[in-house]
Amino acid sequence: MNKGSAGSYRIGRFLPPGYRTALLASKGPGSIVVAVAVLMCCLPAFAHHGNAEFQMDQSVTLQATVTEFSWSSPHIVIYFDAKNEKGEVLRWSCETSAPPKMHRDGWTRESLKPGDHVAIVVHPAKNGQAVGILIRVLLADGHQLGTGGESY
């Protein structure tokens, strides 16, 4: 057991003795450089895009056929086909929240499958493209899956 202070034992118990001493003794400019490098590596984790490209004050309900359900981080994406006003089939994509949040809201990896016929309510893109942010999905059996009151 390390004879040093309790703090040094906890910090260095997984490091070889030479590294432990260097770690506890480093207070110079090198440690500042390391700290800045670590912080810069963590900055992308705090970055997030907004929803300015979507019409958050409007919603569109689409009768859709699911083509793909991508359960992945940072956001789940639903791909589906839906007809526009002219009757043409458009390939849509709709972004949801992160998997842990969606799971808390009742979603699972098996919630949607290719071929499922559903009604999807989204906040549409301002530029008219076939993309949106999910508000809720009404399944063929009448069950509804939402985003816990949040639309993003």
N, C-alpha and C. Protein backbone atom coordinates (compact mmCIF):
# COMPACT_ATOMS: atom_id res chain seq x y z
N MET A 1 0.84 -1.18 0.00
CA MET A 1 0.00 0.00 0.00
C MET A 1 0.88 1.24 0.00
N ASN A 2 0.49 2.25 -0.72
CA ASN A 2 1.25 3.49 -0.82
C ASN A 2 1.27 4.19 0.52
N LYS A 3 2.46 4.62 0.97
CA LYS A 3 2.60 5.27 2.27
C LYS A 3 2.30 6.77 2.19
N GLY A 4 2.02 7.28 1.01
CA GLY A 4 1.75 8.71 0.85
C GLY A 4 0.37 9.05 1.36
N SER A 5 -0.06 10.28 1.05
CA SER A 5 -1.39 10.72 1.49
C SER A 5 -2.46 9.91 0.79
N ALA A 6 -3.67 9.95 1.32
CA ALA A 6 -4.79 9.19 0.74
C ALA A 6 -5.03 9.64 -0.70
N GLY A 7 -4.87 10.95 -0.96
CA GLY A 7 -5.08 11.47 -2.31
C GLY A 7 -4.07 10.92 -3.29
N SER A 8 -2.81 10.84 -2.89
CA SER A 8 -1.80 10.34 -3.81
C SER A 8 -2.00 8.85 -4.06
N TYR A 9 -2.48 8.12 -3.06
CA TYR A 9 -2.75 6.70 -3.26
C TYR A 9 -3.85 6.51 -4.30
N ARG A 10 -4.92 7.26 -4.20
CA ARG A 10 -6.03 7.12 -5.15
C ARG A 10 -5.62 7.52 -6.56
N ILE A 11 -4.89 8.60 -6.69
CA ILE A 11 -4.50 9.08 -8.01
C ILE A 11 -3.54 8.11 -8.68
N GLY A 12 -2.56 7.61 -7.92
CA GLY A 12 -1.50 6.86 -8.54
C GLY A 12 -1.54 5.37 -8.42
N ARG A 13 -2.58 4.81 -7.87
CA ARG A 13 -2.55 3.37 -7.60
C ARG A 13 -2.49 2.52 -8.86
N PHE A 14 -2.90 3.06 -10.01
CA PHE A 14 -2.87 2.28 -11.25
C PHE A 14 -1.65 2.63 -12.11
N LEU A 15 -0.79 3.50 -11.62
CA LEU A 15 0.39 3.92 -12.37
C LEU A 15 1.65 3.32 -11.75
N PRO A 16 2.66 3.06 -12.58
CA PRO A 16 3.94 2.61 -12.03
C PRO A 16 4.52 3.69 -11.12
N PRO A 17 5.36 3.32 -10.14
CA PRO A 17 5.88 4.29 -9.16
C PRO A 17 6.53 5.53 -9.77
N GLY A 18 7.30 5.40 -10.83
CA GLY A 18 7.95 6.57 -11.43
C GLY A 18 6.95 7.57 -12.00
N TYR A 19 5.91 7.06 -12.63
CA TYR A 19 4.88 7.93 -13.18
C TYR A 19 4.08 8.60 -12.08
N ARG A 20 3.87 7.86 -11.01
CA ARG A 20 3.10 8.39 -9.88
C ARG A 20 3.79 9.63 -9.33
N THR A 21 5.10 9.56 -9.14
CA THR A 21 5.86 10.68 -8.62
C THR A 21 5.82 11.85 -9.58
N ALA A 22 5.99 11.57 -10.88
CA ALA A 22 5.97 12.64 -11.88
C ALA A 22 4.60 13.30 -11.95
N LEU A 23 3.54 12.51 -11.83
CA LEU A 23 2.19 13.05 -11.89
C LEU A 23 1.92 13.98 -10.72
N LEU A 24 2.33 13.55 -9.54
CA LEU A 24 2.08 14.36 -8.34
C LEU A 24 2.97 15.59 -8.29
N ALA A 25 4.14 15.54 -8.92
CA ALA A 25 5.08 16.66 -8.87
C ALA A 25 4.87 17.65 -10.00
N SER A 26 4.10 17.32 -11.03
CA SER A 26 4.01 18.20 -12.19
C SER A 26 3.06 19.36 -11.92
N LYS A 27 3.65 20.54 -11.83
CA LYS A 27 2.86 21.75 -11.62
C LYS A 27 3.34 22.87 -12.55
N GLY A 28 4.22 22.55 -13.45
CA GLY A 28 4.80 23.57 -14.30
C GLY A 28 4.01 23.79 -15.58
N PRO A 29 4.62 24.46 -16.57
CA PRO A 29 3.93 24.78 -17.82
C PRO A 29 3.52 23.53 -18.60
N GLY A 30 4.23 22.43 -18.41
CA GLY A 30 3.85 21.21 -19.11
C GLY A 30 2.47 20.72 -18.69
N SER A 31 2.15 20.83 -17.42
CA SER A 31 0.84 20.38 -16.96
C SER A 31 -0.26 21.29 -17.48
N ILE A 32 0.05 22.56 -17.68
CA ILE A 32 -0.94 23.48 -18.26
C ILE A 32 -1.23 23.10 -19.70
N VAL A 33 -0.18 22.76 -20.44
CA VAL A 33 -0.35 22.33 -21.83
C VAL A 33 -1.21 21.08 -21.90
N VAL A 34 -0.94 20.14 -21.01
CA VAL A 34 -1.73 18.90 -20.98
C VAL A 34 -3.18 19.21 -20.65
N ALA A 35 -3.40 20.07 -19.67
CA ALA A 35 -4.78 20.42 -19.29
C ALA A 35 -5.52 21.09 -20.44
N VAL A 36 -4.86 21.99 -21.14
CA VAL A 36 -5.49 22.66 -22.28
C VAL A 36 -5.79 21.66 -23.39
N ALA A 37 -4.87 20.74 -23.66
CA ALA A 37 -5.08 19.73 -24.70
C ALA A 37 -6.28 18.85 -24.36
N VAL A 38 -6.38 18.45 -23.10
CA VAL A 38 -7.52 17.63 -22.68
C VAL A 38 -8.82 18.40 -22.85
N LEU A 39 -8.85 19.64 -22.44
CA LEU A 39 -10.06 20.46 -22.59
C LEU A 39 -10.45 20.64 -24.06
N MET A 40 -9.46 20.84 -24.92
CA MET A 40 -9.76 21.02 -26.35
C MET A 40 -10.33 19.74 -26.96
N CYS A 41 -9.86 18.60 -26.47
CA CYS A 41 -10.40 17.33 -26.97
C CYS A 41 -11.84 17.13 -26.52
N CYS A 42 -12.20 17.71 -25.40
CA CYS A 42 -13.55 17.54 -24.86
C CYS A 42 -14.55 18.53 -25.46
N LEU A 43 -14.08 19.61 -26.05
CA LEU A 43 -14.99 20.62 -26.58
C LEU A 43 -16.01 20.08 -27.59
N PRO A 44 -15.65 19.19 -28.51
CA PRO A 44 -16.66 18.69 -29.43
C PRO A 44 -17.84 18.01 -28.73
N ALA A 45 -17.62 17.49 -27.54
CA ALA A 45 -18.71 16.85 -26.81
C ALA A 45 -19.75 17.88 -26.39
N PHE A 46 -19.33 19.14 -26.23
CA PHE A 46 -20.26 20.19 -25.84
C PHE A 46 -20.93 20.85 -27.04
N ALA A 47 -20.40 20.63 -28.22
CA ALA A 47 -20.95 21.25 -29.41
C ALA A 47 -22.25 20.55 -29.79
N HIS A 48 -23.21 21.31 -30.25
CA HIS A 48 -24.47 20.74 -30.68
C HIS A 48 -25.09 21.70 -31.67
N HIS A 49 -25.73 21.13 -32.66
CA HIS A 49 -26.37 22.00 -33.63
C HIS A 49 -27.73 22.40 -33.11
N GLY A 50 -28.21 23.53 -33.58
CA GLY A 50 -29.52 24.01 -33.17
C GLY A 50 -30.60 23.51 -34.10
N ASN A 51 -31.76 24.09 -33.98
CA ASN A 51 -32.86 23.71 -34.83
C ASN A 51 -33.37 24.88 -35.65
N ALA A 52 -32.48 25.84 -35.94
CA ALA A 52 -32.87 27.04 -36.67
C ALA A 52 -33.32 26.73 -38.09
N GLU A 53 -32.92 25.61 -38.66
CA GLU A 53 -33.30 25.29 -40.03
C GLU A 53 -34.69 24.65 -40.13
N PHE A 54 -35.34 24.47 -38.98
CA PHE A 54 -36.66 23.85 -38.96
C PHE A 54 -37.74 24.85 -38.54
N GLN A 55 -38.95 24.61 -39.01
CA GLN A 55 -40.10 25.46 -38.67
C GLN A 55 -40.69 24.93 -37.36
N MET A 56 -40.12 25.36 -36.25
CA MET A 56 -40.50 24.83 -34.95
C MET A 56 -41.90 25.26 -34.52
N ASP A 57 -42.48 26.24 -35.21
CA ASP A 57 -43.84 26.66 -34.89
C ASP A 57 -44.89 25.97 -35.77
N GLN A 58 -44.44 25.06 -36.63
CA GLN A 58 -45.35 24.35 -37.52
C GLN A 58 -45.11 22.84 -37.42
N SER A 59 -46.15 22.09 -37.77
CA SER A 59 -45.99 20.64 -37.82
C SER A 59 -46.67 20.11 -39.07
N VAL A 60 -46.16 18.98 -39.54
CA VAL A 60 -46.71 18.31 -40.72
C VAL A 60 -46.94 16.85 -40.34
N THR A 61 -48.12 16.33 -40.66
CA THR A 61 -48.41 14.92 -40.43
C THR A 61 -48.31 14.19 -41.76
N LEU A 62 -47.49 13.15 -41.79
CA LEU A 62 -47.23 12.41 -43.02
C LEU A 62 -47.63 10.95 -42.85
N GLN A 63 -48.37 10.43 -43.82
CA GLN A 63 -48.66 8.99 -43.87
C GLN A 63 -47.43 8.36 -44.50
N ALA A 64 -46.76 7.51 -43.75
CA ALA A 64 -45.42 7.08 -44.15
C ALA A 64 -45.26 5.58 -44.10
N THR A 65 -44.27 5.13 -44.88
CA THR A 65 -43.78 3.76 -44.82
C THR A 65 -42.33 3.83 -44.40
N VAL A 66 -42.01 3.23 -43.27
CA VAL A 66 -40.64 3.25 -42.74
C VAL A 66 -39.73 2.47 -43.69
N THR A 67 -38.58 3.07 -44.02
CA THR A 67 -37.59 2.38 -44.86
C THR A 67 -36.36 1.99 -44.04
N GLU A 68 -36.07 2.75 -42.97
CA GLU A 68 -34.93 2.44 -42.11
C GLU A 68 -35.12 3.13 -40.77
N PHE A 69 -34.69 2.46 -39.72
CA PHE A 69 -34.75 3.00 -38.36
C PHE A 69 -33.35 2.88 -37.78
N SER A 70 -32.64 4.00 -37.73
CA SER A 70 -31.23 4.00 -37.32
C SER A 70 -31.12 4.39 -35.84
N TRP A 71 -30.99 3.40 -34.99
CA TRP A 71 -30.87 3.60 -33.54
C TRP A 71 -29.40 3.79 -33.23
N SER A 72 -28.94 5.04 -33.26
CA SER A 72 -27.52 5.31 -33.03
C SER A 72 -27.35 6.70 -32.44
N SER A 73 -26.21 6.91 -31.80
CA SER A 73 -25.88 8.20 -31.23
C SER A 73 -25.27 9.09 -32.30
N PRO A 74 -25.40 10.39 -32.26
CA PRO A 74 -26.00 11.12 -31.15
C PRO A 74 -27.53 11.24 -31.24
N HIS A 75 -28.12 10.97 -32.40
CA HIS A 75 -29.56 11.06 -32.55
C HIS A 75 -30.07 9.86 -33.35
N ILE A 76 -31.23 9.38 -32.98
CA ILE A 76 -31.89 8.34 -33.76
C ILE A 76 -32.47 9.01 -35.01
N VAL A 77 -32.39 8.32 -36.14
CA VAL A 77 -32.94 8.86 -37.38
C VAL A 77 -33.93 7.85 -37.96
N ILE A 78 -35.08 8.37 -38.38
CA ILE A 78 -36.10 7.55 -39.03
C ILE A 78 -36.11 7.96 -40.50
N TYR A 79 -35.97 6.98 -41.38
CA TYR A 79 -36.07 7.23 -42.82
C TYR A 79 -37.39 6.62 -43.28
N PHE A 80 -38.11 7.35 -44.11
CA PHE A 80 -39.42 6.86 -44.54
C PHE A 80 -39.81 7.48 -45.87
N ASP A 81 -40.74 6.83 -46.54
CA ASP A 81 -41.31 7.34 -47.77
C ASP A 81 -42.69 7.91 -47.47
N ALA A 82 -42.99 9.06 -48.05
CA ALA A 82 -44.30 9.69 -47.89
C ALA A 82 -44.61 10.48 -49.16
N LYS A 83 -45.88 10.55 -49.51
CA LYS A 83 -46.29 11.27 -50.72
C LYS A 83 -46.44 12.75 -50.44
N ASN A 84 -46.05 13.55 -51.43
CA ASN A 84 -46.28 14.99 -51.33
C ASN A 84 -47.67 15.33 -51.87
N GLU A 85 -47.97 16.63 -52.01
CA GLU A 85 -49.28 17.07 -52.48
C GLU A 85 -49.59 16.61 -53.90
N LYS A 86 -48.55 16.38 -54.69
CA LYS A 86 -48.72 15.94 -56.08
C LYS A 86 -48.84 14.42 -56.20
N GLY A 87 -48.74 13.71 -55.08
CA GLY A 87 -48.80 12.26 -55.10
C GLY A 87 -47.48 11.58 -55.37
N GLU A 88 -46.42 12.37 -55.45
CA GLU A 88 -45.08 11.81 -55.68
C GLU A 88 -44.50 11.31 -54.35
N VAL A 89 -43.86 10.16 -54.41
CA VAL A 89 -43.24 9.61 -53.19
C VAL A 89 -41.90 10.28 -52.96
N LEU A 90 -41.73 10.83 -51.77
CA LEU A 90 -40.47 11.45 -51.38
C LEU A 90 -39.83 10.63 -50.28
N ARG A 91 -38.51 10.55 -50.32
CA ARG A 91 -37.74 9.87 -49.27
C ARG A 91 -37.43 10.91 -48.19
N TRP A 92 -38.00 10.73 -47.01
CA TRP A 92 -37.83 11.65 -45.90
C TRP A 92 -36.82 11.10 -44.90
N SER A 93 -36.26 12.00 -44.11
CA SER A 93 -35.51 11.61 -42.93
C SER A 93 -35.95 12.51 -41.79
N CYS A 94 -35.99 11.92 -40.62
CA CYS A 94 -36.48 12.64 -39.45
C CYS A 94 -35.57 12.31 -38.28
N GLU A 95 -35.09 13.35 -37.63
CA GLU A 95 -34.17 13.18 -36.51
C GLU A 95 -34.94 13.23 -35.20
N THR A 96 -34.50 12.41 -34.26
CA THR A 96 -35.12 12.39 -32.93
C THR A 96 -34.06 12.75 -31.89
N SER A 97 -34.32 12.39 -30.67
CA SER A 97 -33.35 12.60 -29.59
C SER A 97 -32.36 11.44 -29.53
N ALA A 98 -31.52 11.47 -28.51
CA ALA A 98 -30.52 10.41 -28.31
C ALA A 98 -31.19 9.13 -27.82
N PRO A 99 -30.58 7.98 -28.11
CA PRO A 99 -31.17 6.70 -27.69
C PRO A 99 -31.53 6.60 -26.20
N PRO A 100 -30.69 7.04 -25.26
CA PRO A 100 -31.09 6.92 -23.86
C PRO A 100 -32.38 7.69 -23.54
N LYS A 101 -32.52 8.88 -24.10
CA LYS A 101 -33.73 9.65 -23.84
C LYS A 101 -34.94 9.00 -24.50
N MET A 102 -34.78 8.54 -25.72
CA MET A 102 -35.89 7.90 -26.41
C MET A 102 -36.30 6.61 -25.69
N HIS A 103 -35.34 5.90 -25.13
CA HIS A 103 -35.65 4.69 -24.37
C HIS A 103 -36.51 5.04 -23.15
N ARG A 104 -36.16 6.13 -22.47
CA ARG A 104 -36.97 6.58 -21.32
C ARG A 104 -38.39 6.95 -21.75
N ASP A 105 -38.54 7.37 -23.01
CA ASP A 105 -39.85 7.76 -23.53
C ASP A 105 -40.62 6.57 -24.12
N GLY A 106 -40.08 5.35 -23.95
CA GLY A 106 -40.80 4.16 -24.37
C GLY A 106 -40.35 3.54 -25.68
N TRP A 107 -39.34 4.09 -26.31
CA TRP A 107 -38.84 3.57 -27.58
C TRP A 107 -37.87 2.42 -27.32
N THR A 108 -37.76 1.51 -28.30
CA THR A 108 -36.74 0.47 -28.29
C THR A 108 -36.18 0.37 -29.71
N ARG A 109 -35.13 -0.43 -29.85
CA ARG A 109 -34.56 -0.66 -31.18
C ARG A 109 -35.57 -1.28 -32.14
N GLU A 110 -36.58 -1.94 -31.58
CA GLU A 110 -37.58 -2.64 -32.39
C GLU A 110 -38.88 -1.84 -32.55
N SER A 111 -38.90 -0.59 -32.12
CA SER A 111 -40.12 0.22 -32.20
C SER A 111 -40.61 0.36 -33.64
N LEU A 112 -39.70 0.52 -34.57
CA LEU A 112 -40.05 0.67 -35.99
C LEU A 112 -39.22 -0.30 -36.81
N LYS A 113 -39.85 -0.82 -37.86
CA LYS A 113 -39.16 -1.74 -38.78
C LYS A 113 -39.45 -1.30 -40.21
N PRO A 114 -38.53 -1.56 -41.13
CA PRO A 114 -38.82 -1.26 -42.54
C PRO A 114 -40.13 -1.94 -42.95
N GLY A 115 -40.96 -1.16 -43.64
CA GLY A 115 -42.25 -1.66 -44.09
C GLY A 115 -43.41 -1.25 -43.20
N ASP A 116 -43.12 -0.78 -41.97
CA ASP A 116 -44.20 -0.34 -41.08
C ASP A 116 -44.91 0.86 -41.68
N HIS A 117 -46.24 0.84 -41.62
CA HIS A 117 -47.05 1.98 -42.06
C HIS A 117 -47.44 2.77 -40.82
N VAL A 118 -47.04 4.03 -40.79
CA VAL A 118 -47.23 4.88 -39.62
C VAL A 118 -47.61 6.29 -40.05
N ALA A 119 -48.11 7.05 -39.10
CA ALA A 119 -48.28 8.50 -39.30
C ALA A 119 -47.17 9.17 -38.49
N ILE A 120 -46.40 10.01 -39.14
CA ILE A 120 -45.28 10.69 -38.48
C ILE A 120 -45.55 12.19 -38.50
N VAL A 121 -45.43 12.80 -37.32
CA VAL A 121 -45.62 14.25 -37.19
C VAL A 121 -44.25 14.86 -36.94
N VAL A 122 -43.88 15.82 -37.79
CA VAL A 122 -42.56 16.44 -37.70
C VAL A 122 -42.67 17.96 -37.79
N HIS A 123 -41.61 18.61 -37.31
CA HIS A 123 -41.39 20.02 -37.61
C HIS A 123 -40.62 20.01 -38.93
N PRO A 124 -41.17 20.56 -40.01
CA PRO A 124 -40.50 20.47 -41.32
C PRO A 124 -39.34 21.47 -41.46
N ALA A 125 -38.50 21.19 -42.45
CA ALA A 125 -37.38 22.09 -42.76
C ALA A 125 -37.91 23.37 -43.39
N LYS A 126 -37.26 24.48 -43.11
CA LYS A 126 -37.65 25.77 -43.68
C LYS A 126 -37.41 25.82 -45.18
N ASN A 127 -36.40 25.08 -45.67
CA ASN A 127 -36.04 25.17 -47.08
C ASN A 127 -36.86 24.22 -47.97
N GLY A 128 -37.83 23.52 -47.39
CA GLY A 128 -38.70 22.65 -48.18
C GLY A 128 -38.17 21.25 -48.43
N GLN A 129 -36.96 20.95 -47.98
CA GLN A 129 -36.42 19.61 -48.16
C GLN A 129 -37.21 18.61 -47.32
N ALA A 130 -37.13 17.35 -47.68
CA ALA A 130 -37.88 16.29 -47.00
C ALA A 130 -37.14 15.82 -45.76
N VAL A 131 -36.97 16.73 -44.82
CA VAL A 131 -36.35 16.41 -43.54
C VAL A 131 -37.15 17.09 -42.43
N GLY A 132 -37.05 16.54 -41.23
CA GLY A 132 -37.78 17.15 -40.13
C GLY A 132 -37.25 16.68 -38.80
N ILE A 133 -37.82 17.27 -37.76
CA ILE A 133 -37.54 16.86 -36.39
C ILE A 133 -38.80 16.20 -35.86
N LEU A 134 -38.66 15.02 -35.32
CA LEU A 134 -39.81 14.25 -34.86
C LEU A 134 -40.56 14.93 -33.72
N ILE A 135 -41.89 14.89 -33.82
CA ILE A 135 -42.76 15.26 -32.72
C ILE A 135 -43.36 13.98 -32.14
N ARG A 136 -43.96 13.14 -33.01
CA ARG A 136 -44.52 11.86 -32.56
C ARG A 136 -44.78 10.95 -33.74
N VAL A 137 -44.95 9.66 -33.43
CA VAL A 137 -45.28 8.64 -34.42
C VAL A 137 -46.53 7.92 -33.94
N LEU A 138 -47.50 7.76 -34.82
CA LEU A 138 -48.70 6.97 -34.51
C LEU A 138 -48.55 5.65 -35.24
N LEU A 139 -48.46 4.57 -34.48
CA LEU A 139 -48.28 3.24 -35.05
C LEU A 139 -49.60 2.70 -35.59
N ALA A 140 -49.52 1.69 -36.44
CA ALA A 140 -50.71 1.11 -37.07
C ALA A 140 -51.67 0.53 -36.03
N ASP A 141 -51.15 0.07 -34.88
CA ASP A 141 -52.02 -0.51 -33.84
C ASP A 141 -52.64 0.54 -32.94
N GLY A 142 -52.39 1.83 -33.24
CA GLY A 142 -52.98 2.91 -32.46
C GLY A 142 -52.10 3.47 -31.37
N HIS A 143 -51.01 2.78 -31.04
CA HIS A 143 -50.09 3.29 -30.02
C HIS A 143 -49.35 4.50 -30.57
N GLN A 144 -49.01 5.40 -29.66
CA GLN A 144 -48.28 6.60 -30.05
C GLN A 144 -46.95 6.63 -29.33
N LEU A 145 -45.92 6.98 -30.07
CA LEU A 145 -44.58 7.16 -29.50
C LEU A 145 -44.18 8.61 -29.73
N GLY A 146 -43.77 9.26 -28.68
CA GLY A 146 -43.36 10.66 -28.80
C GLY A 146 -41.96 10.87 -28.30
N THR A 147 -41.67 12.11 -28.00
CA THR A 147 -40.35 12.46 -27.53
C THR A 147 -40.43 13.07 -26.13
N GLY A 148 -41.40 12.63 -25.34
CA GLY A 148 -41.49 13.07 -23.96
C GLY A 148 -41.88 14.52 -23.81
N GLY A 149 -42.64 15.04 -24.76
CA GLY A 149 -43.07 16.43 -24.67
C GLY A 149 -42.11 17.40 -25.31
N GLU A 150 -40.92 16.92 -25.63
CA GLU A 150 -39.94 17.76 -26.30
C GLU A 150 -39.90 17.37 -27.76
N SER A 151 -39.71 18.34 -28.62
CA SER A 151 -39.67 18.01 -30.03
C SER A 151 -38.24 17.95 -30.55
N TYR A 152 -37.27 17.94 -29.65
CA TYR A 152 -35.89 17.78 -30.08
C TYR A 152 -35.00 17.53 -28.92
